[in-house]
Amino acid sequence: MTEITMYSAQGCGYCQAAERLLRGKGVAQLNKIRVDVEEGRLEEMIARSGRRTVPQIFIGSLHVGGFDDLARLDRAGQLEPLLRG
């Protein structure tokens, strides 16, 4: 399965929903980066994604976006092929 990175923060409902969706698709290894506690990670996330809100999700090097973007991919049947690489 392709490496998945998710920038997240404590208490973020969208982050939790994104993780639930990914786990439901069989994702066992999720590289979660906490922008609220890891110094410099918010700036890193903004530089990589161009966005300031969490979650920001990357499947491999592809920036998927936030939870709404992830859910849209899933509804379109495009998420599972991305996860398989």
PDB file of N, CA and C in Angstrom:
ATOM      1  N   MET A   1       0.847  -1.181   0.000  1.00  0.00           N
ATOM      2  CA  MET A   1       0.000   0.000   0.000  1.00  0.00           C
ATOM      3  C   MET A   1       0.889   1.240   0.000  1.00  0.00           C
ATOM      4  N   THR A   2       0.449   2.268  -0.681  1.00  0.00           N
ATOM      5  CA  THR A   2       1.175   3.518  -0.808  1.00  0.00           C
ATOM      6  C   THR A   2       1.268   4.234   0.531  1.00  0.00           C
ATOM      7  N   GLU A   3       2.373   4.937   0.758  1.00  0.00           N
ATOM      8  CA  GLU A   3       2.556   5.692   2.008  1.00  0.00           C
ATOM      9  C   GLU A   3       1.560   6.840   2.068  1.00  0.00           C
ATOM     10  N   ILE A   4       0.943   6.995   3.231  1.00  0.00           N
ATOM     11  CA  ILE A   4      -0.039   8.053   3.428  1.00  0.00           C
ATOM     12  C   ILE A   4       0.419   8.935   4.574  1.00  0.00           C
ATOM     13  N   THR A   5       0.430  10.237   4.319  1.00  0.00           N
ATOM     14  CA  THR A   5       0.788  11.227   5.326  1.00  0.00           C
ATOM     15  C   THR A   5      -0.396  12.144   5.534  1.00  0.00           C
ATOM     16  N   MET A   6      -0.722  12.361   6.808  1.00  0.00           N
ATOM     17  CA  MET A   6      -1.821  13.266   7.130  1.00  0.00           C
ATOM     18  C   MET A   6      -1.363  14.264   8.183  1.00  0.00           C
ATOM     19  N   TYR A   7      -1.403  15.524   7.822  1.00  0.00           N
ATOM     20  CA  TYR A   7      -1.146  16.594   8.785  1.00  0.00           C
ATOM     21  C   TYR A   7      -2.444  16.801   9.554  1.00  0.00           C
ATOM     22  N   SER A   8      -2.354  16.811  10.884  1.00  0.00           N
ATOM     23  CA  SER A   8      -3.562  16.875  11.699  1.00  0.00           C
ATOM     24  C   SER A   8      -3.304  17.683  12.967  1.00  0.00           C
ATOM     25  N   ALA A   9      -4.375  17.832  13.757  1.00  0.00           N
ATOM     26  CA  ALA A   9      -4.285  18.537  15.034  1.00  0.00           C
ATOM     27  C   ALA A   9      -5.247  17.881  16.020  1.00  0.00           C
ATOM     28  N   GLN A  10      -4.952  18.034  17.297  1.00  0.00           N
ATOM     29  CA  GLN A  10      -5.773  17.495  18.377  1.00  0.00           C
ATOM     30  C   GLN A  10      -7.189  18.053  18.284  1.00  0.00           C
ATOM     31  N   GLY A  11      -8.170  17.197  18.441  1.00  0.00           N
ATOM     32  CA  GLY A  11      -9.560  17.633  18.501  1.00  0.00           C
ATOM     33  C   GLY A  11     -10.175  18.023  17.165  1.00  0.00           C
ATOM     34  N   CYS A  12      -9.506  17.725  16.083  1.00  0.00           N
ATOM     35  CA  CYS A  12     -10.004  18.067  14.752  1.00  0.00           C
ATOM     36  C   CYS A  12     -10.950  16.971  14.274  1.00  0.00           C
ATOM     37  N   GLY A  13     -12.227  17.279  14.199  1.00  0.00           N
ATOM     38  CA  GLY A  13     -13.216  16.299  13.763  1.00  0.00           C
ATOM     39  C   GLY A  13     -13.000  15.827  12.335  1.00  0.00           C
ATOM     40  N   TYR A  14     -12.566  16.721  11.460  1.00  0.00           N
ATOM     41  CA  TYR A  14     -12.306  16.328  10.077  1.00  0.00           C
ATOM     42  C   TYR A  14     -11.099  15.397   9.992  1.00  0.00           C
ATOM     43  N   CYS A  15     -10.117  15.623  10.857  1.00  0.00           N
ATOM     44  CA  CYS A  15      -8.948  14.732  10.903  1.00  0.00           C
ATOM     45  C   CYS A  15      -9.382  13.332  11.341  1.00  0.00           C
ATOM     46  N   GLN A  16     -10.234  13.281  12.357  1.00  0.00           N
ATOM     47  CA  GLN A  16     -10.727  11.995  12.846  1.00  0.00           C
ATOM     48  C   GLN A  16     -11.562  11.285  11.784  1.00  0.00           C
ATOM     49  N   ALA A  17     -12.387  12.043  11.066  1.00  0.00           N
ATOM     50  CA  ALA A  17     -13.207  11.449  10.009  1.00  0.00           C
ATOM     51  C   ALA A  17     -12.333  10.919   8.875  1.00  0.00           C
ATOM     52  N   ALA A  18     -11.293  11.660   8.517  1.00  0.00           N
ATOM     53  CA  ALA A  18     -10.375  11.223   7.461  1.00  0.00           C
ATOM     54  C   ALA A  18      -9.669   9.936   7.883  1.00  0.00           C
ATOM     55  N   GLU A  19      -9.230   9.887   9.132  1.00  0.00           N
ATOM     56  CA  GLU A  19      -8.552   8.682   9.609  1.00  0.00           C
ATOM     57  C   GLU A  19      -9.504   7.489   9.604  1.00  0.00           C
ATOM     58  N   ARG A  20     -10.751   7.691  10.034  1.00  0.00           N
ATOM     59  CA  ARG A  20     -11.741   6.605  10.014  1.00  0.00           C
ATOM     60  C   ARG A  20     -11.965   6.098   8.589  1.00  0.00           C
ATOM     61  N   LEU A  21     -12.084   7.020   7.648  1.00  0.00           N
ATOM     62  CA  LEU A  21     -12.306   6.619   6.260  1.00  0.00           C
ATOM     63  C   LEU A  21     -11.119   5.809   5.743  1.00  0.00           C
ATOM     64  N   LEU A  22      -9.910   6.283   6.019  1.00  0.00           N
ATOM     65  CA  LEU A  22      -8.713   5.578   5.558  1.00  0.00           C
ATOM     66  C   LEU A  22      -8.579   4.216   6.224  1.00  0.00           C
ATOM     67  N   ARG A  23      -8.822   4.149   7.524  1.00  0.00           N
ATOM     68  CA  ARG A  23      -8.744   2.860   8.237  1.00  0.00           C
ATOM     69  C   ARG A  23      -9.790   1.895   7.677  1.00  0.00           C
ATOM     70  N   GLY A  24     -10.972   2.426   7.350  1.00  0.00           N
ATOM     71  CA  GLY A  24     -12.019   1.605   6.773  1.00  0.00           C
ATOM     72  C   GLY A  24     -11.648   1.039   5.403  1.00  0.00           C
ATOM     73  N   LYS A  25     -10.719   1.685   4.742  1.00  0.00           N
ATOM     74  CA  LYS A  25     -10.228   1.211   3.442  1.00  0.00           C
ATOM     75  C   LYS A  25      -9.039   0.272   3.598  1.00  0.00           C
ATOM     76  N   GLY A  26      -8.703  -0.054   4.848  1.00  0.00           N
ATOM     77  CA  GLY A  26      -7.627  -1.003   5.091  1.00  0.00           C
ATOM     78  C   GLY A  26      -6.261  -0.391   5.310  1.00  0.00           C
ATOM     79  N   VAL A  27      -6.202   0.918   5.470  1.00  0.00           N
ATOM     80  CA  VAL A  27      -4.913   1.578   5.715  1.00  0.00           C
ATOM     81  C   VAL A  27      -4.479   1.266   7.148  1.00  0.00           C
ATOM     82  N   ALA A  28      -3.373   0.557   7.276  1.00  0.00           N
ATOM     83  CA  ALA A  28      -2.852   0.213   8.601  1.00  0.00           C
ATOM     84  C   ALA A  28      -1.776   1.195   9.039  1.00  0.00           C
ATOM     85  N   GLN A  29      -0.967   1.645   8.101  1.00  0.00           N
ATOM     86  CA  GLN A  29       0.146   2.547   8.406  1.00  0.00           C
ATOM     87  C   GLN A  29      -0.197   3.949   7.923  1.00  0.00           C
ATOM     88  N   LEU A  30      -0.390   4.860   8.863  1.00  0.00           N
ATOM     89  CA  LEU A  30      -0.730   6.246   8.560  1.00  0.00           C
ATOM     90  C   LEU A  30       0.278   7.138   9.264  1.00  0.00           C
ATOM     91  N   ASN A  31       1.036   7.888   8.490  1.00  0.00           N
ATOM     92  CA  ASN A  31       2.028   8.803   9.045  1.00  0.00           C
ATOM     93  C   ASN A  31       1.319  10.099   9.428  1.00  0.00           C
ATOM     94  N   LYS A  32       0.937  10.207  10.708  1.00  0.00           N
ATOM     95  CA  LYS A  32       0.241  11.406  11.186  1.00  0.00           C
ATOM     96  C   LYS A  32       1.257  12.408  11.722  1.00  0.00           C
ATOM     97  N   ILE A  33       1.145  13.623  11.227  1.00  0.00           N
ATOM     98  CA  ILE A  33       2.015  14.708  11.664  1.00  0.00           C
ATOM     99  C   ILE A  33       1.135  15.735  12.356  1.00  0.00           C
ATOM    100  N   ARG A  34       1.414  15.974  13.620  1.00  0.00           N
ATOM    101  CA  ARG A  34       0.617  16.900  14.421  1.00  0.00           C
ATOM    102  C   ARG A  34       1.182  18.310  14.310  1.00  0.00           C
ATOM    103  N   VAL A  35       0.463  19.169  13.606  1.00  0.00           N
ATOM    104  CA  VAL A  35       0.932  20.538  13.405  1.00  0.00           C
ATOM    105  C   VAL A  35       0.775  21.388  14.656  1.00  0.00           C
ATOM    106  N   ASP A  36      -0.038  20.930  15.604  1.00  0.00           N
ATOM    107  CA  ASP A  36      -0.267  21.709  16.818  1.00  0.00           C
ATOM    108  C   ASP A  36       0.775  21.444  17.906  1.00  0.00           C
ATOM    109  N   VAL A  37       1.572  20.394  17.771  1.00  0.00           N
ATOM    110  CA  VAL A  37       2.571  20.099  18.803  1.00  0.00           C
ATOM    111  C   VAL A  37       3.990  19.941  18.263  1.00  0.00           C
ATOM    112  N   GLU A  38       4.132  19.706  16.968  1.00  0.00           N
ATOM    113  CA  GLU A  38       5.451  19.500  16.388  1.00  0.00           C
ATOM    114  C   GLU A  38       5.914  20.807  15.733  1.00  0.00           C
ATOM    115  N   GLU A  39       6.919  21.410  16.323  1.00  0.00           N
ATOM    116  CA  GLU A  39       7.403  22.710  15.867  1.00  0.00           C
ATOM    117  C   GLU A  39       7.825  22.665  14.394  1.00  0.00           C
ATOM    118  N   GLY A  40       7.387  23.669  13.654  1.00  0.00           N
ATOM    119  CA  GLY A  40       7.759  23.798  12.256  1.00  0.00           C
ATOM    120  C   GLY A  40       6.893  22.999  11.297  1.00  0.00           C
ATOM    121  N   ARG A  41       6.041  22.136  11.826  1.00  0.00           N
ATOM    122  CA  ARG A  41       5.247  21.276  10.941  1.00  0.00           C
ATOM    123  C   ARG A  41       4.106  22.027  10.255  1.00  0.00           C
ATOM    124  N   LEU A  42       3.543  23.054  10.910  1.00  0.00           N
ATOM    125  CA  LEU A  42       2.500  23.846  10.261  1.00  0.00           C
ATOM    126  C   LEU A  42       3.069  24.545   9.025  1.00  0.00           C
ATOM    127  N   GLU A  43       4.239  25.133   9.165  1.00  0.00           N
ATOM    128  CA  GLU A  43       4.886  25.804   8.040  1.00  0.00           C
ATOM    129  C   GLU A  43       5.211  24.804   6.926  1.00  0.00           C
ATOM    130  N   GLU A  44       5.657  23.616   7.324  1.00  0.00           N
ATOM    131  CA  GLU A  44       5.945  22.557   6.350  1.00  0.00           C
ATOM    132  C   GLU A  44       4.676  22.176   5.581  1.00  0.00           C
ATOM    133  N   MET A  45       3.574  22.017   6.303  1.00  0.00           N
ATOM    134  CA  MET A  45       2.311  21.648   5.675  1.00  0.00           C
ATOM    135  C   MET A  45       1.867  22.725   4.683  1.00  0.00           C
ATOM    136  N   ILE A  46       1.959  23.982   5.084  1.00  0.00           N
ATOM    137  CA  ILE A  46       1.551  25.086   4.210  1.00  0.00           C
ATOM    138  C   ILE A  46       2.422  25.123   2.958  1.00  0.00           C
ATOM    139  N   ALA A  47       3.724  24.908   3.129  1.00  0.00           N
ATOM    140  CA  ALA A  47       4.637  24.914   1.982  1.00  0.00           C
ATOM    141  C   ALA A  47       4.314  23.767   1.020  1.00  0.00           C
ATOM    142  N   ARG A  48       3.977  22.602   1.565  1.00  0.00           N
ATOM    143  CA  ARG A  48       3.689  21.434   0.716  1.00  0.00           C
ATOM    144  C   ARG A  48       2.326  21.510   0.048  1.00  0.00           C
ATOM    145  N   SER A  49       1.333  22.013   0.771  1.00  0.00           N
ATOM    146  CA  SER A  49      -0.045  21.937   0.276  1.00  0.00           C
ATOM    147  C   SER A  49      -0.601  23.268  -0.231  1.00  0.00           C
ATOM    148  N   GLY A  50      -0.025  24.360   0.250  1.00  0.00           N
ATOM    149  CA  GLY A  50      -0.589  25.667  -0.082  1.00  0.00           C
ATOM    150  C   GLY A  50      -1.832  25.987   0.728  1.00  0.00           C
ATOM    151  N   ARG A  51      -2.139  25.153   1.709  1.00  0.00           N
ATOM    152  CA  ARG A  51      -3.333  25.336   2.537  1.00  0.00           C
ATOM    153  C   ARG A  51      -2.948  25.458   4.005  1.00  0.00           C
ATOM    154  N   ARG A  52      -3.841  26.104   4.768  1.00  0.00           N
ATOM    155  CA  ARG A  52      -3.566  26.365   6.183  1.00  0.00           C
ATOM    156  C   ARG A  52      -4.439  25.538   7.123  1.00  0.00           C
ATOM    157  N   THR A  53      -5.363  24.743   6.592  1.00  0.00           N
ATOM    158  CA  THR A  53      -6.293  23.997   7.434  1.00  0.00           C
ATOM    159  C   THR A  53      -5.914  22.517   7.475  1.00  0.00           C
ATOM    160  N   VAL A  54      -6.292  21.860   8.574  1.00  0.00           N
ATOM    161  CA  VAL A  54      -6.081  20.427   8.708  1.00  0.00           C
ATOM    162  C   VAL A  54      -7.417  19.725   8.557  1.00  0.00           C
ATOM    163  N   PRO A  55      -7.410  18.491   8.093  1.00  0.00           N
ATOM    164  CA  PRO A  55      -6.235  17.723   7.697  1.00  0.00           C
ATOM    165  C   PRO A  55      -5.791  18.093   6.282  1.00  0.00           C
ATOM    166  N   GLN A  56      -4.535  17.830   6.013  1.00  0.00           N
ATOM    167  CA  GLN A  56      -4.002  17.846   4.652  1.00  0.00           C
ATOM    168  C   GLN A  56      -3.416  16.462   4.441  1.00  0.00           C
ATOM    169  N   ILE A  57      -3.873  15.800   3.401  1.00  0.00           N
ATOM    170  CA  ILE A  57      -3.569  14.387   3.192  1.00  0.00           C
ATOM    171  C   ILE A  57      -2.775  14.207   1.912  1.00  0.00           C
ATOM    172  N   PHE A  58      -1.731  13.400   2.018  1.00  0.00           N
ATOM    173  CA  PHE A  58      -0.891  13.052   0.879  1.00  0.00           C
ATOM    174  C   PHE A  58      -0.893  11.543   0.725  1.00  0.00           C
ATOM    175  N   ILE A  59      -1.148  11.079  -0.478  1.00  0.00           N
ATOM    176  CA  ILE A  59      -1.025   9.659  -0.802  1.00  0.00           C
ATOM    177  C   ILE A  59       0.183   9.556  -1.709  1.00  0.00           C
ATOM    178  N   GLY A  60       1.262   8.975  -1.173  1.00  0.00           N
ATOM    179  CA  GLY A  60       2.546   9.063  -1.853  1.00  0.00           C
ATOM    180  C   GLY A  60       2.918  10.528  -1.924  1.00  0.00           C
ATOM    181  N   SER A  61       3.280  11.020  -3.093  1.00  0.00           N
ATOM    182  CA  SER A  61       3.622  12.433  -3.241  1.00  0.00           C
ATOM    183  C   SER A  61       2.434  13.270  -3.715  1.00  0.00           C
ATOM    184  N   LEU A  62       1.285  12.622  -3.945  1.00  0.00           N
ATOM    185  CA  LEU A  62       0.095  13.318  -4.430  1.00  0.00           C
ATOM    186  C   LEU A  62      -0.634  14.003  -3.280  1.00  0.00           C
ATOM    187  N   HIS A  63      -0.841  15.305  -3.397  1.00  0.00           N
ATOM    188  CA  HIS A  63      -1.625  16.036  -2.406  1.00  0.00           C
ATOM    189  C   HIS A  63      -3.095  15.834  -2.724  1.00  0.00           C
ATOM    190  N   VAL A  64      -3.793  15.117  -1.850  1.00  0.00           N
ATOM    191  CA  VAL A  64      -5.214  14.834  -2.030  1.00  0.00           C
ATOM    192  C   VAL A  64      -6.044  16.020  -1.580  1.00  0.00           C
ATOM    193  N   GLY A  65      -5.634  16.669  -0.502  1.00  0.00           N
ATOM    194  CA  GLY A  65      -6.385  17.784   0.057  1.00  0.00           C
ATOM    195  C   GLY A  65      -6.865  17.439   1.448  1.00  0.00           C
ATOM    196  N   GLY A  66      -8.032  17.977   1.795  1.00  0.00           N
ATOM    197  CA  GLY A  66      -8.605  17.751   3.112  1.00  0.00           C
ATOM    198  C   GLY A  66      -9.612  16.613   3.111  1.00  0.00           C
ATOM    199  N   PHE A  67     -10.396  16.529   4.183  1.00  0.00           N
ATOM    200  CA  PHE A  67     -11.357  15.435   4.309  1.00  0.00           C
ATOM    201  C   PHE A  67     -12.386  15.451   3.193  1.00  0.00           C
ATOM    202  N   ASP A  68     -12.928  16.629   2.872  1.00  0.00           N
ATOM    203  CA  ASP A  68     -13.941  16.697   1.822  1.00  0.00           C
ATOM    204  C   ASP A  68     -13.396  16.173   0.494  1.00  0.00           C
ATOM    205  N   ASP A  69     -12.149  16.513   0.198  1.00  0.00           N
ATOM    206  CA  ASP A  69     -11.517  16.042  -1.040  1.00  0.00           C
ATOM    207  C   ASP A  69     -11.341  14.522  -1.013  1.00  0.00           C
ATOM    208  N   LEU A  70     -10.926  14.005   0.146  1.00  0.00           N
ATOM    209  CA  LEU A  70     -10.738  12.565   0.315  1.00  0.00           C
ATOM    210  C   LEU A  70     -12.069  11.834   0.130  1.00  0.00           C
ATOM    211  N   ALA A  71     -13.124  12.346   0.762  1.00  0.00           N
ATOM    212  CA  ALA A  71     -14.447  11.729   0.662  1.00  0.00           C
ATOM    213  C   ALA A  71     -14.969  11.789  -0.773  1.00  0.00           C
ATOM    214  N   ARG A  72     -14.699  12.886  -1.471  1.00  0.00           N
ATOM    215  CA  ARG A  72     -15.116  13.017  -2.866  1.00  0.00           C
ATOM    216  C   ARG A  72     -14.435  11.956  -3.738  1.00  0.00           C
ATOM    217  N   LEU A  73     -13.136  11.751  -3.510  1.00  0.00           N
ATOM    218  CA  LEU A  73     -12.409  10.702  -4.233  1.00  0.00           C
ATOM    219  C   LEU A  73     -13.022   9.330  -3.962  1.00  0.00           C
ATOM    220  N   ASP A  74     -13.374   9.090  -2.708  1.00  0.00           N
ATOM    221  CA  ASP A  74     -13.961   7.808  -2.339  1.00  0.00           C
ATOM    222  C   ASP A  74     -15.302   7.603  -3.043  1.00  0.00           C
ATOM    223  N   ARG A  75     -16.157   8.618  -3.020  1.00  0.00           N
ATOM    224  CA  ARG A  75     -17.467   8.502  -3.671  1.00  0.00           C
ATOM    225  C   ARG A  75     -17.337   8.278  -5.177  1.00  0.00           C
ATOM    226  N   ALA A  76     -16.289   8.831  -5.767  1.00  0.00           N
ATOM    227  CA  ALA A  76     -16.070   8.676  -7.216  1.00  0.00           C
ATOM    228  C   ALA A  76     -15.390   7.353  -7.562  1.00  0.00           C
ATOM    229  N   GLY A  77     -15.038   6.559  -6.535  1.00  0.00           N
ATOM    230  CA  GLY A  77     -14.375   5.281  -6.777  1.00  0.00           C
ATOM    231  C   GLY A  77     -12.903   5.417  -7.119  1.00  0.00           C
ATOM    232  N   GLN A  78     -12.315   6.570  -6.825  1.00  0.00           N
ATOM    233  CA  GLN A  78     -10.922   6.820  -7.183  1.00  0.00           C
ATOM    234  C   GLN A  78      -9.944   6.668  -6.023  1.00  0.00           C
ATOM    235  N   LEU A  79     -10.457   6.531  -4.798  1.00  0.00           N
ATOM    236  CA  LEU A  79      -9.563   6.457  -3.644  1.00  0.00           C
ATOM    237  C   LEU A  79      -8.826   5.124  -3.560  1.00  0.00           C
ATOM    238  N   GLU A  80      -9.532   4.022  -3.684  1.00  0.00           N
ATOM    239  CA  GLU A  80      -8.901   2.714  -3.528  1.00  0.00           C
ATOM    240  C   GLU A  80      -7.772   2.486  -4.536  1.00  0.00           C
ATOM    241  N   PRO A  81      -7.940   2.840  -5.816  1.00  0.00           N
ATOM    242  CA  PRO A  81      -6.807   2.686  -6.735  1.00  0.00           C
ATOM    243  C   PRO A  81      -5.582   3.513  -6.317  1.00  0.00           C
ATOM    244  N   LEU A  82      -5.816   4.702  -5.765  1.00  0.00           N
ATOM    245  CA  LEU A  82      -4.691   5.521  -5.284  1.00  0.00           C
ATOM    246  C   LEU A  82      -3.983   4.831  -4.105  1.00  0.00           C
ATOM    247  N   LEU A  83      -4.779   4.257  -3.218  1.00  0.00           N
ATOM    248  CA  LEU A  83      -4.195   3.598  -2.051  1.00  0.00           C
ATOM    249  C   LEU A  83      -3.374   2.380  -2.437  1.00  0.00           C
ATOM    250  N   ARG A  84      -3.795   1.689  -3.473  1.00  0.00           N
ATOM    251  CA  ARG A  84      -3.049   0.510  -3.924  1.00  0.00           C
ATOM    252  C   ARG A  84      -1.764   0.883  -4.673  1.00  0.00           C
ATOM    253  N   GLY A  85      -1.715   2.120  -5.159  1.00  0.00           N
ATOM    254  CA  GLY A  85      -0.518   2.573  -5.875  1.00  0.00           C
ATOM    255  C   GLY A  85      -0.582   2.137  -7.261  1.00  0.00           C
TER     256      GLY A  85
END
